[in-house]
């Protein structure tokens, strides 16, 4: 969020985060940006206000599509993705980063298996034009983590 705010100094940014702890850390880190960054502590699957009040040039949806899919049915996931895409302005961009194949000792490992992540990609692909699909490897905590980076254009 800081990088976006710095790169686009006139942008209005909305952040939706489930974790209250992450929101509090963000509030402290983003204090100097004033009211152009709106932090919302909410579950995206239940935050209908976003779909009514705002339209977006860019939506960055990071490391959470599999959590959404784990808590709501596939048809509800499809409809949620459609609502998010419909809130993009013409030419708007949806960018996603998702962990793939987390190690088995991590609780989210089963919901990040490559075939599951591929299903989410195809679900989104059925609704919006792809412009990028890439893989990023990050080494942290003495392990390698794979991410799929996706970008779509409305």
N, C-alpha and C. Protein backbone atom coordinates (compact mmCIF):
# COMPACT_ATOMS: atom_id res chain seq x y z
N UNK A 1 0.83 -1.19 0.00
CA UNK A 1 0.00 0.00 0.00
C UNK A 1 0.87 1.25 0.00
N UNK A 2 1.93 1.23 0.77
CA UNK A 2 2.84 2.37 0.79
C UNK A 2 3.46 2.59 -0.59
N UNK A 3 3.90 1.52 -1.24
CA UNK A 3 4.49 1.66 -2.56
C UNK A 3 3.47 2.24 -3.55
N UNK A 4 2.23 1.77 -3.49
CA UNK A 4 1.19 2.32 -4.37
C UNK A 4 0.93 3.79 -4.07
N UNK A 5 0.81 4.11 -2.79
CA UNK A 5 0.55 5.49 -2.39
C UNK A 5 1.67 6.43 -2.82
N UNK A 6 2.91 5.96 -2.73
CA UNK A 6 4.05 6.78 -3.15
C UNK A 6 4.11 6.92 -4.67
N UNK A 7 3.84 5.83 -5.37
CA UNK A 7 3.91 5.84 -6.84
C UNK A 7 2.78 6.64 -7.46
N UNK A 8 1.60 6.63 -6.81
CA UNK A 8 0.42 7.32 -7.33
C UNK A 8 -0.08 8.30 -6.26
N UNK A 9 0.56 9.45 -6.16
CA UNK A 9 0.28 10.37 -5.05
C UNK A 9 -1.12 10.98 -5.02
N UNK A 10 -1.87 10.88 -6.11
CA UNK A 10 -3.25 11.41 -6.09
C UNK A 10 -4.29 10.30 -5.96
N UNK A 11 -3.84 9.06 -5.89
CA UNK A 11 -4.77 7.93 -5.83
C UNK A 11 -5.49 7.86 -4.49
N UNK A 12 -6.76 7.50 -4.56
CA UNK A 12 -7.53 7.13 -3.38
C UNK A 12 -7.43 5.61 -3.28
N UNK A 13 -7.03 5.10 -2.14
CA UNK A 13 -6.77 3.67 -1.98
C UNK A 13 -7.67 3.11 -0.90
N UNK A 14 -8.31 1.99 -1.20
CA UNK A 14 -9.12 1.26 -0.22
C UNK A 14 -8.45 -0.08 0.03
N UNK A 15 -8.22 -0.41 1.29
CA UNK A 15 -7.63 -1.68 1.67
C UNK A 15 -8.64 -2.43 2.51
N UNK A 16 -8.93 -3.66 2.12
CA UNK A 16 -9.83 -4.51 2.89
C UNK A 16 -9.00 -5.65 3.43
N UNK A 17 -9.01 -5.81 4.73
CA UNK A 17 -8.17 -6.81 5.40
C UNK A 17 -8.97 -7.46 6.50
N UNK A 18 -8.92 -8.78 6.55
CA UNK A 18 -9.64 -9.54 7.56
C UNK A 18 -9.00 -9.43 8.94
N UNK A 19 -7.68 -9.38 8.99
CA UNK A 19 -6.96 -9.39 10.26
C UNK A 19 -6.97 -8.01 10.93
N UNK A 20 -7.53 -7.95 12.12
CA UNK A 20 -7.53 -6.70 12.89
C UNK A 20 -6.10 -6.26 13.23
N UNK A 21 -5.22 -7.21 13.50
CA UNK A 21 -3.82 -6.88 13.79
C UNK A 21 -3.15 -6.25 12.58
N UNK A 22 -3.39 -6.79 11.40
CA UNK A 22 -2.80 -6.23 10.19
C UNK A 22 -3.33 -4.82 9.92
N UNK A 23 -4.61 -4.61 10.18
CA UNK A 23 -5.20 -3.27 10.00
C UNK A 23 -4.55 -2.27 10.96
N UNK A 24 -4.35 -2.67 12.19
CA UNK A 24 -3.72 -1.75 13.16
C UNK A 24 -2.28 -1.41 12.75
N UNK A 25 -1.53 -2.40 12.30
CA UNK A 25 -0.16 -2.14 11.82
C UNK A 25 -0.21 -1.19 10.62
N UNK A 26 -1.15 -1.44 9.72
CA UNK A 26 -1.28 -0.58 8.54
C UNK A 26 -1.65 0.84 8.94
N UNK A 27 -2.55 1.00 9.89
CA UNK A 27 -2.92 2.35 10.35
C UNK A 27 -1.70 3.13 10.82
N UNK A 28 -0.86 2.47 11.58
CA UNK A 28 0.35 3.13 12.07
C UNK A 28 1.29 3.45 10.92
N UNK A 29 1.49 2.50 10.02
CA UNK A 29 2.42 2.70 8.90
C UNK A 29 1.93 3.71 7.88
N UNK A 30 0.61 3.90 7.81
CA UNK A 30 0.03 4.76 6.77
C UNK A 30 -0.49 6.09 7.30
N UNK A 31 -0.23 6.36 8.55
CA UNK A 31 -0.74 7.58 9.19
C UNK A 31 -0.41 8.84 8.39
N UNK A 32 0.78 8.91 7.81
CA UNK A 32 1.21 10.13 7.11
C UNK A 32 0.47 10.34 5.77
N UNK A 33 -0.28 9.37 5.31
CA UNK A 33 -0.99 9.50 4.04
C UNK A 33 -2.38 10.12 4.19
N UNK A 34 -2.75 10.41 5.41
CA UNK A 34 -4.04 11.08 5.65
C UNK A 34 -5.23 10.25 5.24
N UNK A 35 -6.23 10.94 4.71
CA UNK A 35 -7.49 10.26 4.44
C UNK A 35 -7.59 9.70 3.01
N UNK A 36 -6.50 9.69 2.26
CA UNK A 36 -6.60 9.12 0.92
C UNK A 36 -6.45 7.60 0.91
N UNK A 37 -6.13 7.04 2.08
CA UNK A 37 -6.10 5.58 2.21
C UNK A 37 -7.15 5.18 3.22
N UNK A 38 -8.10 4.39 2.76
CA UNK A 38 -9.19 3.93 3.62
C UNK A 38 -8.91 2.47 3.98
N UNK A 39 -8.83 2.20 5.27
CA UNK A 39 -8.59 0.84 5.76
C UNK A 39 -9.89 0.27 6.30
N UNK A 40 -10.25 -0.89 5.81
CA UNK A 40 -11.49 -1.54 6.21
C UNK A 40 -11.15 -2.90 6.79
N UNK A 41 -11.53 -3.11 8.03
CA UNK A 41 -11.34 -4.41 8.68
C UNK A 41 -12.62 -5.21 8.43
N UNK A 42 -12.57 -6.06 7.40
CA UNK A 42 -13.77 -6.80 7.02
C UNK A 42 -13.40 -8.08 6.27
N UNK A 43 -14.35 -8.96 6.22
CA UNK A 43 -14.26 -10.18 5.43
C UNK A 43 -14.81 -9.83 4.04
N UNK A 44 -14.00 -9.95 3.02
CA UNK A 44 -14.40 -9.55 1.67
C UNK A 44 -15.66 -10.30 1.22
N UNK A 45 -15.88 -11.50 1.73
CA UNK A 45 -17.06 -12.26 1.33
C UNK A 45 -18.34 -11.68 1.91
N UNK A 46 -18.19 -10.78 2.89
CA UNK A 46 -19.36 -10.19 3.54
C UNK A 46 -19.41 -8.68 3.41
N UNK A 47 -18.47 -8.10 2.72
CA UNK A 47 -18.37 -6.64 2.66
C UNK A 47 -19.08 -6.10 1.42
N UNK A 48 -20.38 -6.17 1.43
CA UNK A 48 -21.19 -5.75 0.30
C UNK A 48 -21.10 -4.25 0.02
N UNK A 49 -20.79 -3.42 1.00
CA UNK A 49 -20.74 -1.97 0.79
C UNK A 49 -19.76 -1.63 -0.32
N UNK A 50 -18.65 -2.35 -0.39
CA UNK A 50 -17.65 -2.08 -1.42
C UNK A 50 -18.27 -2.18 -2.81
N UNK A 51 -19.20 -3.09 -2.97
CA UNK A 51 -19.78 -3.33 -4.27
C UNK A 51 -20.85 -2.29 -4.63
N UNK A 52 -21.27 -1.51 -3.67
CA UNK A 52 -22.31 -0.52 -3.92
C UNK A 52 -21.73 0.87 -4.10
N UNK A 53 -20.73 1.24 -3.33
CA UNK A 53 -20.30 2.63 -3.24
C UNK A 53 -19.11 3.03 -4.10
N UNK A 54 -18.34 2.12 -4.59
CA UNK A 54 -17.09 2.50 -5.21
C UNK A 54 -16.88 1.80 -6.55
N UNK A 55 -16.05 2.42 -7.39
CA UNK A 55 -15.54 1.81 -8.61
C UNK A 55 -14.02 2.01 -8.57
N UNK A 56 -13.28 1.13 -9.23
CA UNK A 56 -11.83 1.13 -9.08
C UNK A 56 -11.12 1.07 -10.42
N UNK A 57 -9.97 1.73 -10.48
CA UNK A 57 -9.07 1.60 -11.62
C UNK A 57 -8.25 0.32 -11.51
N UNK A 58 -7.87 -0.01 -10.29
CA UNK A 58 -7.02 -1.17 -10.05
C UNK A 58 -7.51 -1.88 -8.79
N UNK A 59 -7.53 -3.19 -8.85
CA UNK A 59 -7.79 -4.01 -7.66
C UNK A 59 -6.60 -4.95 -7.51
N UNK A 60 -5.97 -4.91 -6.36
CA UNK A 60 -4.87 -5.83 -6.06
C UNK A 60 -5.39 -6.78 -4.99
N UNK A 61 -5.46 -8.03 -5.36
CA UNK A 61 -6.04 -9.06 -4.49
C UNK A 61 -4.93 -10.06 -4.23
N UNK A 62 -4.34 -9.99 -3.06
CA UNK A 62 -3.13 -10.75 -2.79
C UNK A 62 -3.34 -11.84 -1.75
N UNK A 63 -2.87 -13.02 -2.11
CA UNK A 63 -2.80 -14.18 -1.22
C UNK A 63 -4.06 -14.44 -0.42
N UNK A 64 -5.21 -14.39 -1.11
CA UNK A 64 -6.43 -14.69 -0.36
C UNK A 64 -7.52 -15.38 -1.14
N UNK A 65 -7.36 -15.55 -2.45
CA UNK A 65 -8.44 -16.19 -3.21
C UNK A 65 -8.71 -17.60 -2.67
N UNK A 66 -7.68 -18.29 -2.22
CA UNK A 66 -7.87 -19.65 -1.71
C UNK A 66 -8.57 -19.64 -0.35
N UNK A 67 -8.37 -18.59 0.44
CA UNK A 67 -9.10 -18.48 1.70
C UNK A 67 -10.59 -18.25 1.43
N UNK A 68 -10.86 -17.39 0.47
CA UNK A 68 -12.25 -17.14 0.10
C UNK A 68 -12.89 -18.45 -0.36
N UNK A 69 -12.21 -19.14 -1.27
CA UNK A 69 -12.74 -20.40 -1.78
C UNK A 69 -12.92 -21.47 -0.73
N UNK A 70 -12.14 -21.39 0.33
CA UNK A 70 -12.26 -22.38 1.42
C UNK A 70 -13.45 -22.10 2.33
N UNK A 71 -13.98 -20.87 2.29
CA UNK A 71 -15.08 -20.56 3.21
C UNK A 71 -16.43 -20.37 2.54
N UNK A 72 -16.46 -20.21 1.21
CA UNK A 72 -17.75 -20.10 0.53
C UNK A 72 -17.79 -21.09 -0.64
N UNK A 73 -18.97 -21.38 -1.13
CA UNK A 73 -19.12 -22.35 -2.21
C UNK A 73 -18.52 -21.81 -3.51
N UNK A 74 -18.30 -22.70 -4.45
CA UNK A 74 -17.73 -22.31 -5.73
C UNK A 74 -18.61 -21.31 -6.46
N UNK A 75 -19.92 -21.52 -6.45
CA UNK A 75 -20.80 -20.57 -7.15
C UNK A 75 -20.77 -19.19 -6.47
N UNK A 76 -20.66 -19.16 -5.15
CA UNK A 76 -20.55 -17.87 -4.45
C UNK A 76 -19.19 -17.21 -4.74
N UNK A 77 -18.14 -18.03 -4.84
CA UNK A 77 -16.83 -17.49 -5.20
C UNK A 77 -16.89 -16.88 -6.59
N UNK A 78 -17.54 -17.57 -7.51
CA UNK A 78 -17.69 -17.05 -8.88
C UNK A 78 -18.42 -15.71 -8.86
N UNK A 79 -19.51 -15.63 -8.13
CA UNK A 79 -20.29 -14.38 -8.06
C UNK A 79 -19.50 -13.26 -7.39
N UNK A 80 -18.73 -13.58 -6.35
CA UNK A 80 -17.90 -12.57 -5.69
C UNK A 80 -16.86 -12.02 -6.66
N UNK A 81 -16.18 -12.90 -7.37
CA UNK A 81 -15.20 -12.47 -8.36
C UNK A 81 -15.88 -11.59 -9.42
N UNK A 82 -17.05 -11.98 -9.85
CA UNK A 82 -17.79 -11.18 -10.84
C UNK A 82 -18.11 -9.79 -10.29
N UNK A 83 -18.53 -9.71 -9.04
CA UNK A 83 -18.82 -8.40 -8.44
C UNK A 83 -17.58 -7.53 -8.40
N UNK A 84 -16.45 -8.12 -8.05
CA UNK A 84 -15.20 -7.36 -7.99
C UNK A 84 -14.82 -6.88 -9.38
N UNK A 85 -14.90 -7.75 -10.36
CA UNK A 85 -14.57 -7.37 -11.73
C UNK A 85 -15.52 -6.28 -12.23
N UNK A 86 -16.79 -6.41 -11.91
CA UNK A 86 -17.78 -5.40 -12.33
C UNK A 86 -17.52 -4.03 -11.71
N UNK A 87 -16.80 -3.98 -10.59
CA UNK A 87 -16.48 -2.69 -9.96
C UNK A 87 -15.26 -2.02 -10.58
N UNK A 88 -14.57 -2.74 -11.46
CA UNK A 88 -13.45 -2.12 -12.17
C UNK A 88 -14.00 -1.19 -13.24
N UNK A 89 -13.40 -0.03 -13.36
CA UNK A 89 -13.75 0.89 -14.43
C UNK A 89 -13.31 0.29 -15.77
N UNK A 90 -13.88 0.73 -16.89
CA UNK A 90 -13.42 0.23 -18.19
C UNK A 90 -11.90 0.41 -18.31
N UNK A 91 -11.23 -0.65 -18.72
CA UNK A 91 -9.77 -0.63 -18.79
C UNK A 91 -9.10 -0.91 -17.45
N UNK A 92 -9.91 -1.11 -16.40
CA UNK A 92 -9.37 -1.38 -15.07
C UNK A 92 -8.61 -2.69 -15.02
N UNK A 93 -7.73 -2.77 -14.05
CA UNK A 93 -6.81 -3.91 -13.92
C UNK A 93 -7.07 -4.65 -12.60
N UNK A 94 -7.11 -5.96 -12.68
CA UNK A 94 -7.14 -6.84 -11.50
C UNK A 94 -5.80 -7.55 -11.46
N UNK A 95 -5.07 -7.38 -10.36
CA UNK A 95 -3.77 -8.02 -10.18
C UNK A 95 -3.87 -8.94 -8.97
N UNK A 96 -3.40 -10.15 -9.12
CA UNK A 96 -3.45 -11.12 -8.02
C UNK A 96 -2.11 -11.80 -7.86
N UNK A 97 -1.79 -12.13 -6.61
CA UNK A 97 -0.62 -12.94 -6.29
C UNK A 97 -1.10 -14.02 -5.34
N UNK A 98 -0.83 -15.26 -5.68
CA UNK A 98 -1.28 -16.38 -4.85
C UNK A 98 -0.17 -17.39 -4.65
N UNK A 99 -0.02 -17.80 -3.41
CA UNK A 99 0.95 -18.83 -3.07
C UNK A 99 0.50 -20.15 -3.67
N UNK A 100 1.46 -20.92 -4.17
CA UNK A 100 1.16 -22.21 -4.78
C UNK A 100 1.94 -23.29 -4.04
N UNK A 101 1.26 -24.39 -3.74
CA UNK A 101 1.90 -25.57 -3.14
C UNK A 101 2.70 -25.27 -1.88
N UNK A 102 2.03 -24.68 -0.91
CA UNK A 102 2.69 -24.48 0.38
C UNK A 102 3.10 -25.83 0.96
N UNK A 103 4.18 -25.86 1.73
CA UNK A 103 4.61 -27.13 2.33
C UNK A 103 3.51 -27.75 3.20
N UNK A 104 3.52 -29.08 3.30
CA UNK A 104 2.46 -29.80 4.02
C UNK A 104 2.35 -29.44 5.49
N UNK A 105 3.42 -28.93 6.10
CA UNK A 105 3.35 -28.57 7.52
C UNK A 105 2.67 -27.22 7.76
N UNK A 106 2.28 -26.53 6.71
CA UNK A 106 1.57 -25.26 6.82
C UNK A 106 0.08 -25.56 6.65
N UNK A 107 -0.77 -25.08 7.56
CA UNK A 107 -2.20 -25.43 7.53
C UNK A 107 -2.90 -25.18 6.18
N UNK A 108 -2.48 -24.16 5.45
CA UNK A 108 -3.14 -23.81 4.19
C UNK A 108 -2.64 -24.64 3.01
N UNK A 109 -1.81 -25.64 3.26
CA UNK A 109 -1.18 -26.35 2.15
C UNK A 109 -2.20 -26.94 1.18
N UNK A 110 -3.27 -27.55 1.68
CA UNK A 110 -4.21 -28.21 0.77
C UNK A 110 -4.98 -27.22 -0.10
N UNK A 111 -5.24 -26.03 0.41
CA UNK A 111 -6.00 -25.07 -0.40
C UNK A 111 -5.11 -24.26 -1.34
N UNK A 112 -3.80 -24.51 -1.29
CA UNK A 112 -2.88 -23.83 -2.21
C UNK A 112 -2.25 -24.80 -3.21
N UNK A 113 -2.75 -26.01 -3.26
CA UNK A 113 -2.21 -26.97 -4.22
C UNK A 113 -2.42 -26.45 -5.64
N UNK A 114 -1.46 -26.70 -6.50
CA UNK A 114 -1.49 -26.13 -7.85
C UNK A 114 -2.80 -26.39 -8.59
N UNK A 115 -3.37 -27.59 -8.57
CA UNK A 115 -4.64 -27.77 -9.29
C UNK A 115 -5.77 -26.88 -8.75
N UNK A 116 -5.76 -26.61 -7.46
CA UNK A 116 -6.78 -25.72 -6.87
C UNK A 116 -6.55 -24.29 -7.35
N UNK A 117 -5.30 -23.83 -7.30
CA UNK A 117 -4.97 -22.48 -7.76
C UNK A 117 -5.29 -22.34 -9.25
N UNK A 118 -5.00 -23.37 -10.03
CA UNK A 118 -5.34 -23.34 -11.45
C UNK A 118 -6.85 -23.19 -11.67
N UNK A 119 -7.63 -23.81 -10.82
CA UNK A 119 -9.10 -23.67 -10.92
C UNK A 119 -9.52 -22.23 -10.69
N UNK A 120 -8.93 -21.57 -9.70
CA UNK A 120 -9.26 -20.16 -9.45
C UNK A 120 -8.85 -19.30 -10.65
N UNK A 121 -7.69 -19.57 -11.20
CA UNK A 121 -7.25 -18.82 -12.38
C UNK A 121 -8.28 -18.96 -13.50
N UNK A 122 -8.70 -20.17 -13.76
CA UNK A 122 -9.67 -20.41 -14.83
C UNK A 122 -11.03 -19.80 -14.53
N UNK A 123 -11.43 -19.80 -13.28
CA UNK A 123 -12.69 -19.16 -12.89
C UNK A 123 -12.63 -17.67 -13.21
N UNK A 124 -11.51 -17.03 -12.89
CA UNK A 124 -11.35 -15.60 -13.17
C UNK A 124 -11.20 -15.36 -14.67
N UNK A 125 -10.43 -16.21 -15.32
CA UNK A 125 -10.20 -16.11 -16.76
C UNK A 125 -11.51 -16.15 -17.54
N UNK A 126 -12.50 -16.85 -17.02
CA UNK A 126 -13.78 -16.95 -17.72
C UNK A 126 -14.56 -15.63 -17.70
N UNK A 127 -14.07 -14.65 -16.90
CA UNK A 127 -14.82 -13.41 -16.72
C UNK A 127 -14.09 -12.15 -17.18
N UNK A 128 -12.79 -12.26 -17.45
CA UNK A 128 -12.01 -11.06 -17.74
C UNK A 128 -10.79 -11.45 -18.56
N UNK A 129 -10.28 -10.50 -19.33
CA UNK A 129 -9.16 -10.75 -20.23
C UNK A 129 -7.82 -10.82 -19.50
N UNK A 130 -7.05 -11.89 -19.70
CA UNK A 130 -5.74 -11.98 -19.05
C UNK A 130 -4.72 -11.11 -19.77
N UNK A 131 -3.81 -10.50 -19.01
CA UNK A 131 -2.71 -9.76 -19.62
C UNK A 131 -1.35 -10.24 -19.12
N UNK A 132 -1.34 -11.03 -18.04
CA UNK A 132 -0.07 -11.55 -17.52
C UNK A 132 -0.35 -12.76 -16.63
N UNK A 133 0.50 -13.75 -16.77
CA UNK A 133 0.54 -14.87 -15.82
C UNK A 133 2.01 -15.22 -15.67
N UNK A 134 2.54 -15.06 -14.47
CA UNK A 134 3.96 -15.28 -14.23
C UNK A 134 4.15 -16.02 -12.92
N UNK A 135 5.33 -16.56 -12.74
CA UNK A 135 5.69 -17.24 -11.50
C UNK A 135 6.80 -16.47 -10.82
N UNK A 136 6.70 -16.35 -9.52
CA UNK A 136 7.71 -15.66 -8.71
C UNK A 136 8.11 -16.61 -7.60
N UNK A 137 9.40 -16.77 -7.38
CA UNK A 137 9.90 -17.62 -6.30
C UNK A 137 10.52 -16.71 -5.24
N UNK A 138 10.10 -16.89 -4.01
CA UNK A 138 10.65 -16.11 -2.90
C UNK A 138 11.28 -17.07 -1.90
N UNK A 139 12.47 -16.75 -1.47
CA UNK A 139 13.14 -17.55 -0.46
C UNK A 139 13.04 -16.83 0.87
N UNK A 140 12.38 -17.48 1.82
CA UNK A 140 12.27 -16.92 3.16
C UNK A 140 12.12 -18.07 4.15
N UNK A 141 12.55 -17.83 5.35
CA UNK A 141 12.49 -18.84 6.42
C UNK A 141 13.11 -20.16 5.97
N UNK A 142 14.22 -20.06 5.23
CA UNK A 142 14.98 -21.22 4.76
C UNK A 142 14.17 -22.14 3.85
N UNK A 143 13.17 -21.57 3.17
CA UNK A 143 12.35 -22.32 2.22
C UNK A 143 12.12 -21.47 0.98
N UNK A 144 11.76 -22.14 -0.10
CA UNK A 144 11.34 -21.45 -1.31
C UNK A 144 9.83 -21.50 -1.41
N UNK A 145 9.24 -20.37 -1.73
CA UNK A 145 7.79 -20.27 -1.89
C UNK A 145 7.49 -19.81 -3.30
N UNK A 146 6.57 -20.50 -3.95
CA UNK A 146 6.17 -20.14 -5.30
C UNK A 146 4.88 -19.33 -5.26
N UNK A 147 4.86 -18.27 -6.06
CA UNK A 147 3.67 -17.45 -6.21
C UNK A 147 3.32 -17.40 -7.68
N UNK A 148 2.04 -17.44 -7.98
CA UNK A 148 1.57 -17.12 -9.32
C UNK A 148 1.08 -15.68 -9.29
N UNK A 149 1.56 -14.90 -10.23
CA UNK A 149 1.17 -13.50 -10.38
C UNK A 149 0.28 -13.42 -11.62
N UNK A 150 -0.92 -12.90 -11.42
CA UNK A 150 -1.87 -12.78 -12.52
C UNK A 150 -2.29 -11.33 -12.68
N UNK A 151 -2.48 -10.92 -13.92
CA UNK A 151 -3.06 -9.60 -14.19
C UNK A 151 -4.12 -9.78 -15.28
N UNK A 152 -5.22 -9.08 -15.09
CA UNK A 152 -6.34 -9.12 -16.01
C UNK A 152 -6.79 -7.69 -16.29
N UNK A 153 -7.37 -7.49 -17.47
CA UNK A 153 -7.84 -6.15 -17.84
C UNK A 153 -9.31 -6.22 -18.24
N UNK A 154 -10.08 -5.28 -17.68
CA UNK A 154 -11.52 -5.24 -18.01
C UNK A 154 -11.73 -4.54 -19.33
